[in-house]
Protein backbone atom coordinates (compact mmCIF):
# COMPACT_ATOMS: atom_id res chain seq x y z
CA MET A 1 -25.29 -65.33 -22.21
CA ALA A 2 -28.11 -64.84 -19.70
CA GLU A 3 -26.18 -66.93 -17.15
CA GLN A 4 -23.10 -64.72 -17.60
CA GLU A 5 -25.20 -61.57 -17.04
CA THR A 6 -26.71 -63.16 -13.87
CA GLU A 7 -23.28 -64.03 -12.53
CA ALA A 8 -22.03 -60.51 -13.25
CA GLY A 9 -25.04 -59.04 -11.45
CA GLU A 10 -24.47 -61.31 -8.43
CA ALA A 11 -20.80 -60.34 -8.38
CA SER A 12 -21.65 -56.65 -8.41
CA GLU A 13 -24.11 -57.16 -5.54
CA ASP A 14 -21.46 -59.11 -3.57
CA GLN A 15 -19.06 -56.19 -3.89
CA LEU A 16 -21.53 -53.98 -2.00
CA GLN A 17 -21.84 -56.43 0.88
CA CYS A 18 -19.53 -57.31 3.73
CA PRO A 19 -18.07 -60.80 3.13
CA GLY A 20 -18.05 -61.44 6.89
CA CYS A 21 -21.59 -60.54 7.98
CA SER A 22 -23.29 -59.80 4.59
CA SER A 23 -24.15 -56.30 5.77
CA THR A 24 -24.58 -53.51 3.26
CA ASP A 25 -23.89 -50.78 5.85
CA LEU A 26 -20.46 -49.75 4.59
CA SER A 27 -18.53 -46.48 4.91
CA ASN A 28 -15.58 -44.97 3.05
CA HIS A 29 -12.64 -43.52 4.96
CA ASP A 30 -10.91 -41.28 2.46
CA SER A 31 -8.05 -40.36 4.76
CA GLY A 32 -6.94 -43.99 5.05
CA GLY A 33 -8.19 -45.19 1.67
CA GLU A 34 -10.30 -47.90 3.33
CA VAL A 35 -13.83 -49.29 3.09
CA LEU A 36 -15.15 -50.51 6.46
CA CYS A 37 -18.18 -52.49 7.50
CA ASN A 38 -20.08 -50.55 10.15
CA CYS A 39 -21.56 -53.74 11.64
CA CYS A 40 -18.54 -55.97 12.25
CA GLY A 41 -15.69 -53.54 11.56
CA LEU A 42 -14.12 -55.65 8.82
CA VAL A 43 -11.78 -53.78 6.46
CA ILE A 44 -13.15 -54.68 3.03
CA ASP A 45 -10.77 -52.62 0.89
CA GLU A 46 -7.60 -50.79 1.90
CA ASN A 47 -6.17 -49.72 -1.45
CA MET A 48 -8.69 -47.14 -2.62
CA VAL A 49 -7.46 -44.56 -5.10
CA ASP A 50 -7.90 -40.96 -3.94
CA ASP A 51 -9.49 -39.08 -6.84
CA SER A 52 -9.96 -35.79 -4.96
CA PRO A 53 -7.85 -32.72 -5.91
CA GLU A 54 -4.36 -32.43 -4.47
CA TRP A 55 -4.98 -28.78 -3.49
CA ARG A 56 -7.01 -27.28 -0.68
CA ALA A 57 -9.12 -24.14 -0.65
CA PHE A 58 -11.10 -22.53 2.15
CA THR A 59 -13.23 -20.02 0.21
CA GLN A 60 -15.41 -20.21 -2.88
CA GLU A 61 -13.13 -17.75 -4.65
CA GLY A 62 -10.12 -19.92 -3.86
CA LYS A 63 -11.86 -22.99 -5.26
CA GLU A 64 -12.70 -21.18 -8.50
CA LYS A 65 -9.09 -20.01 -8.91
CA LYS A 66 -7.56 -23.44 -8.32
CA ALA A 67 -10.09 -25.53 -10.23
CA ARG A 68 -8.80 -26.82 -13.56
CA ALA A 69 -12.13 -27.78 -15.13
CA GLY A 70 -12.37 -24.57 -17.17
CA GLU A 71 -14.79 -21.70 -17.03
CA PRO A 72 -18.55 -22.32 -16.94
CA LEU A 73 -20.54 -22.02 -20.14
CA THR A 74 -21.66 -18.46 -20.75
CA TYR A 75 -23.62 -16.59 -23.41
CA LYS A 76 -21.26 -13.64 -22.95
CA LYS A 77 -18.84 -15.35 -25.36
CA HIS A 78 -19.83 -16.11 -28.93
CA ASP A 79 -18.64 -19.72 -28.62
CA MET A 80 -20.03 -20.24 -25.08
CA GLY A 81 -16.40 -20.28 -23.95
CA VAL A 82 -15.57 -23.78 -25.25
CA SER A 83 -14.05 -23.36 -28.72
CA THR A 84 -10.36 -23.09 -29.55
CA GLU A 85 -8.42 -20.64 -31.67
CA ILE A 86 -5.23 -21.16 -33.65
CA GLY A 87 -2.90 -18.58 -32.22
CA LYS A 88 -3.50 -14.97 -31.28
CA GLY A 89 0.02 -13.76 -31.84
CA SER A 90 3.34 -14.72 -33.37
CA GLY A 91 5.65 -13.97 -30.46
CA GLU A 92 6.95 -17.56 -30.21
CA LEU A 93 7.34 -18.21 -33.95
CA TYR A 94 11.00 -17.19 -34.01
CA LYS A 95 11.78 -20.52 -32.29
CA VAL A 96 10.48 -22.64 -35.17
CA SER A 97 11.66 -23.16 -38.72
CA GLY A 98 10.43 -21.15 -41.67
CA ARG A 99 8.45 -24.13 -42.96
CA LYS A 100 6.60 -24.55 -39.67
CA ARG A 101 5.99 -20.80 -39.51
CA ALA A 102 4.39 -20.82 -42.96
CA GLN A 103 2.24 -23.79 -41.95
CA TYR A 104 1.10 -21.91 -38.86
CA TYR A 105 0.05 -18.85 -40.88
CA ARG A 106 -1.76 -21.06 -43.39
CA MET A 107 -3.71 -22.89 -40.65
CA ARG A 108 -4.68 -19.64 -38.95
CA LYS A 109 -5.84 -18.15 -42.27
CA TRP A 110 -8.09 -21.14 -43.03
CA HIS A 111 -9.36 -21.20 -39.47
CA ASN A 112 -10.53 -17.60 -39.86
CA ARG A 113 -12.09 -18.34 -43.25
CA LEU A 114 -14.07 -21.26 -41.88
CA THR A 115 -15.51 -19.23 -39.00
CA LYS A 116 -19.29 -19.03 -39.39
CA SER A 117 -20.93 -15.69 -40.10
CA LYS A 118 -22.99 -16.14 -36.93
CA ASP A 119 -19.83 -16.35 -34.82
CA ARG A 120 -18.41 -13.22 -36.45
CA ASN A 121 -21.68 -11.38 -35.84
CA LEU A 122 -21.79 -12.48 -32.22
CA GLY A 123 -18.15 -11.57 -31.72
CA PHE A 124 -18.70 -7.95 -32.78
CA ALA A 125 -22.06 -7.65 -31.01
CA LEU A 126 -20.85 -9.05 -27.69
CA SER A 127 -17.85 -6.72 -27.65
CA GLU A 128 -20.28 -3.80 -28.01
CA LEU A 129 -22.40 -5.33 -25.24
CA ASN A 130 -19.37 -5.52 -22.94
CA ARG A 131 -18.77 -1.80 -23.47
CA LEU A 132 -22.40 -0.86 -22.79
CA VAL A 133 -22.67 -2.98 -19.64
CA SER A 134 -19.44 -1.51 -18.28
CA GLN A 135 -20.42 2.09 -19.07
CA LEU A 136 -23.92 1.73 -17.61
CA ASN A 137 -22.65 -0.23 -14.57
CA LEU A 138 -25.14 -3.07 -15.02
CA ALA A 139 -25.18 -6.42 -13.22
CA GLU A 140 -23.75 -9.67 -14.58
CA SER A 141 -27.25 -11.13 -14.73
CA VAL A 142 -28.30 -8.38 -17.16
CA HIS A 143 -25.17 -9.01 -19.26
CA GLU A 144 -25.85 -12.75 -19.48
CA GLU A 145 -29.55 -12.36 -20.33
CA VAL A 146 -28.93 -9.76 -23.05
CA ALA A 147 -26.30 -12.01 -24.65
CA ARG A 148 -28.74 -14.96 -24.59
CA LEU A 149 -31.55 -12.94 -26.16
CA TYR A 150 -29.28 -11.53 -28.86
CA GLU A 151 -28.12 -15.01 -29.88
CA LYS A 152 -31.77 -16.06 -30.02
CA ALA A 153 -32.50 -13.07 -32.26
CA VAL A 154 -29.62 -14.03 -34.57
CA ASP A 155 -30.83 -17.64 -34.78
CA GLU A 156 -34.33 -16.46 -35.72
CA GLY A 157 -33.02 -14.05 -38.35
CA LEU A 158 -34.31 -10.94 -36.57
CA VAL A 159 -31.04 -9.01 -36.88
CA ARG A 160 -30.75 -9.33 -40.65
CA GLY A 161 -31.18 -5.94 -42.32
CA ARG A 162 -31.02 -4.06 -39.02
CA SER A 163 -28.31 -2.33 -37.09
CA MET A 164 -26.52 -4.67 -34.69
CA GLU A 165 -25.90 -1.80 -32.26
CA SER A 166 -29.57 -0.80 -32.16
CA ILE A 167 -30.74 -4.35 -31.32
CA ILE A 168 -28.10 -4.75 -28.60
CA THR A 169 -28.97 -1.35 -27.11
CA ALA A 170 -32.71 -2.10 -27.18
CA LEU A 171 -32.14 -5.43 -25.41
CA VAL A 172 -30.01 -3.74 -22.74
CA TYR A 173 -32.80 -1.22 -22.14
CA THR A 174 -35.39 -4.02 -22.01
CA VAL A 175 -33.56 -6.47 -19.74
CA ALA A 176 -32.43 -3.75 -17.32
CA ARG A 177 -36.08 -2.77 -16.83
CA LYS A 178 -37.15 -6.39 -16.54
CA GLN A 179 -34.64 -7.05 -13.76
CA ASN A 180 -35.65 -3.91 -11.82
CA THR A 181 -32.41 -2.03 -12.52
CA PRO A 182 -33.71 0.35 -15.21
CA ARG A 183 -31.70 2.97 -17.05
CA THR A 184 -33.32 6.01 -18.59
CA LEU A 185 -33.54 6.32 -22.35
CA ASP A 186 -31.24 9.35 -22.20
CA GLU A 187 -28.57 7.31 -20.38
CA ILE A 188 -28.88 4.47 -22.89
CA ALA A 189 -28.65 6.90 -25.81
CA ASP A 190 -25.57 8.65 -24.38
CA ALA A 191 -23.80 5.33 -23.77
CA SER A 192 -24.60 3.86 -27.20
CA GLY A 193 -24.32 7.02 -29.31
CA LEU A 194 -27.65 6.24 -31.01
CA GLU A 195 -30.71 8.44 -31.34
CA LYS A 196 -33.54 7.80 -28.89
CA ARG A 197 -35.99 7.39 -31.76
CA LYS A 198 -33.88 4.63 -33.30
CA ILE A 199 -33.56 2.85 -29.94
CA GLY A 200 -37.32 3.10 -29.42
CA ARG A 201 -38.06 1.48 -32.79
CA ALA A 202 -35.61 -1.34 -32.11
CA TYR A 203 -37.05 -1.80 -28.61
CA ARG A 204 -40.61 -2.20 -29.89
CA TYR A 205 -39.47 -4.56 -32.64
CA ALA A 206 -37.40 -6.77 -30.30
CA ALA A 207 -40.15 -6.89 -27.65
CA ARG A 208 -42.71 -7.94 -30.27
CA GLU A 209 -40.62 -10.52 -32.12
CA LEU A 210 -39.02 -12.10 -29.03
CA ASP A 211 -42.31 -12.02 -27.09
CA LEU A 212 -40.88 -10.02 -24.20
CA ASP A 213 -43.51 -9.01 -21.67
CA ILE A 214 -42.11 -5.80 -20.20
CA MET A 215 -43.95 -3.85 -17.54
CA PRO A 216 -43.47 -0.06 -17.26
CA ALA A 217 -40.57 1.04 -15.07
CA ARG A 218 -41.52 1.87 -11.49
CA PRO A 219 -40.31 4.99 -9.67
CA LYS A 220 -39.03 2.95 -6.71
CA ASP A 221 -36.65 1.03 -8.99
CA TYR A 222 -34.67 4.25 -9.59
CA LEU A 223 -34.34 5.21 -5.92
CA PRO A 224 -31.21 3.23 -4.89
CA ARG A 225 -29.11 4.45 -7.82
CA PHE A 226 -30.19 8.08 -7.67
CA ALA A 227 -29.83 8.18 -3.88
CA GLY A 228 -26.37 6.65 -4.13
CA GLU A 229 -25.24 9.21 -6.69
CA MET A 230 -26.46 12.04 -4.42
CA ARG A 231 -24.94 10.36 -1.35
CA LEU A 232 -28.21 10.20 0.53
CA SER A 233 -28.63 7.90 3.52
CA GLY A 234 -30.71 4.76 3.79
CA GLU A 235 -33.24 6.65 5.89
CA VAL A 236 -33.87 9.03 2.97
CA GLN A 237 -34.35 6.08 0.61
CA ALA A 238 -36.79 4.42 3.02
CA ARG A 239 -38.77 7.67 3.42
CA ALA A 240 -38.89 8.19 -0.36
CA ARG A 241 -40.10 4.62 -0.84
CA LYS A 242 -42.94 5.24 1.62
CA ILE A 243 -43.90 8.45 -0.20
CA ILE A 244 -44.06 6.62 -3.53
CA LYS A 245 -46.12 3.81 -1.97
CA ARG A 246 -48.66 6.30 -0.59
CA ALA A 247 -48.83 8.06 -3.95
CA ARG A 248 -49.41 4.76 -5.73
CA ASP A 249 -52.13 3.74 -3.27
CA ASP A 250 -53.85 7.10 -3.89
CA ASP A 251 -53.51 6.61 -7.67
CA LEU A 252 -51.29 9.66 -8.13
CA LEU A 253 -48.71 8.03 -10.43
CA SER A 254 -50.86 7.46 -13.53
CA GLY A 255 -49.43 9.24 -16.55
CA LYS A 256 -46.37 10.50 -14.63
CA GLY A 257 -42.79 9.77 -15.69
CA PRO A 258 -41.14 7.38 -13.18
CA THR A 259 -37.88 9.35 -13.04
CA GLY A 260 -39.70 12.61 -12.24
CA VAL A 261 -41.68 10.96 -9.45
CA ALA A 262 -38.53 9.34 -8.04
CA ALA A 263 -36.71 12.70 -8.13
CA ALA A 264 -39.54 14.52 -6.33
CA ALA A 265 -39.86 11.76 -3.71
CA LEU A 266 -36.12 11.89 -3.00
CA TYR A 267 -36.20 15.69 -2.79
CA ILE A 268 -39.08 15.60 -0.24
CA ALA A 269 -37.50 12.76 1.75
CA ALA A 270 -34.15 14.58 1.90
CA VAL A 271 -35.86 17.64 3.38
CA LEU A 272 -37.76 15.54 5.94
CA GLU A 273 -34.58 13.70 6.99
CA GLU A 274 -32.60 16.97 7.13
CA GLU A 275 -30.27 16.00 4.26
CA LYS A 276 -31.62 18.64 1.91
CA ARG A 277 -30.44 18.84 -1.69
CA THR A 278 -31.25 21.64 -4.10
CA GLN A 279 -33.60 21.03 -7.01
CA ARG A 280 -30.69 21.75 -9.34
CA GLU A 281 -28.62 18.95 -7.78
CA VAL A 282 -31.50 16.49 -8.02
CA ALA A 283 -32.28 17.50 -11.61
CA ASP A 284 -28.65 17.08 -12.72
CA THR A 285 -28.45 13.63 -11.12
CA VAL A 286 -31.76 12.27 -12.37
CA GLY A 287 -31.68 13.86 -15.80
CA VAL A 288 -34.98 15.75 -15.66
CA THR A 289 -35.70 19.47 -15.58
CA GLU A 290 -36.26 21.50 -12.44
CA VAL A 291 -39.76 22.34 -13.73
CA THR A 292 -40.64 18.63 -13.73
CA ILE A 293 -39.38 18.22 -10.16
CA ARG A 294 -41.37 21.27 -8.99
CA ASN A 295 -44.56 19.99 -10.63
CA ARG A 296 -44.25 16.50 -9.15
CA TYR A 297 -43.23 18.03 -5.80
CA LYS A 298 -46.36 20.22 -5.62
CA GLU A 299 -48.63 17.32 -6.56
CA LEU A 300 -47.18 14.96 -3.95
CA VAL A 301 -47.09 17.57 -1.17
CA GLU A 302 -50.66 18.69 -1.73
CA GLU A 303 -52.23 15.27 -2.21
CA LEU A 304 -50.33 13.56 0.62
CA GLY A 305 -50.72 16.42 3.10
CA LEU A 306 -47.01 17.04 3.66
CA ALA A 307 -47.06 20.84 3.37
CA GLN A 308 -47.12 21.61 7.09
CA THR A 309 -44.42 19.06 7.92
CA LEU A 310 -42.12 20.49 5.24
CA GLU A 311 -42.66 24.04 6.50
CA GLU A 312 -41.65 22.99 10.00
CA LYS A 313 -38.47 21.38 8.65
CA ASP A 314 -37.57 24.52 6.67
CA ARG A 315 -37.71 26.73 9.75
């Protein structure tokens, strides 16, 4: 037995060597289906099977469309995208006999009965998650992470006895902040139809039980979205970012709401860059009151010494 294994090993080593010069410097020529020795040029094999795809693509999108290996695994589907389902409709059943049709209905009924409660829970929850992500215009990375965390919560029994919608909404609020694309609690509440108090309770519970270390939202994280909604230029965003950085360095942000600071910084920057917006426009976009914007505006202008510059711009 040992001798047979030795002979097999020697045979496998011989296959990797050139029979003419014993060189191991070989190269594959896929176009001709040949294996050549780079030392002496001997053609070692000329009947190689081409296992590459028969199609060609010149972009990544084209490759994804033509590939037949299936979609990648994703938490956005309750079955990770790999399970099968017995029929979604009966449009083709008229072609088969009545006996086969009855068998089809019976198989589909038992398939639904055997579906685990976890899969049913995930199916409903992920459909709600799809709606929230679409309405709040969140990134795919947020969608994927929320779906992963919700499945983890289901596996650990954290959803039992609690509203599925509240847990999903709380995770959306948490992950969006964690990935520096925060949404305000008012926006989350409007999109989900839940009370802010209920979302807050679910948020604290999920953060504690899933051990999520969430830092407070920063004013600068709101700038790109708010500036885009008000159609402000990149120069205004850059100026507002500098204002917030100076305020943070001078310790002016402690105890202040991040959305109010972001709104005031954008309002000041728009005036300095001669793209002025009214306080009413800024308040409607950001979702804070004009009083809040005026208070934050006065604090930033006085502490950062911008009063004289703003007066010159208003002339």
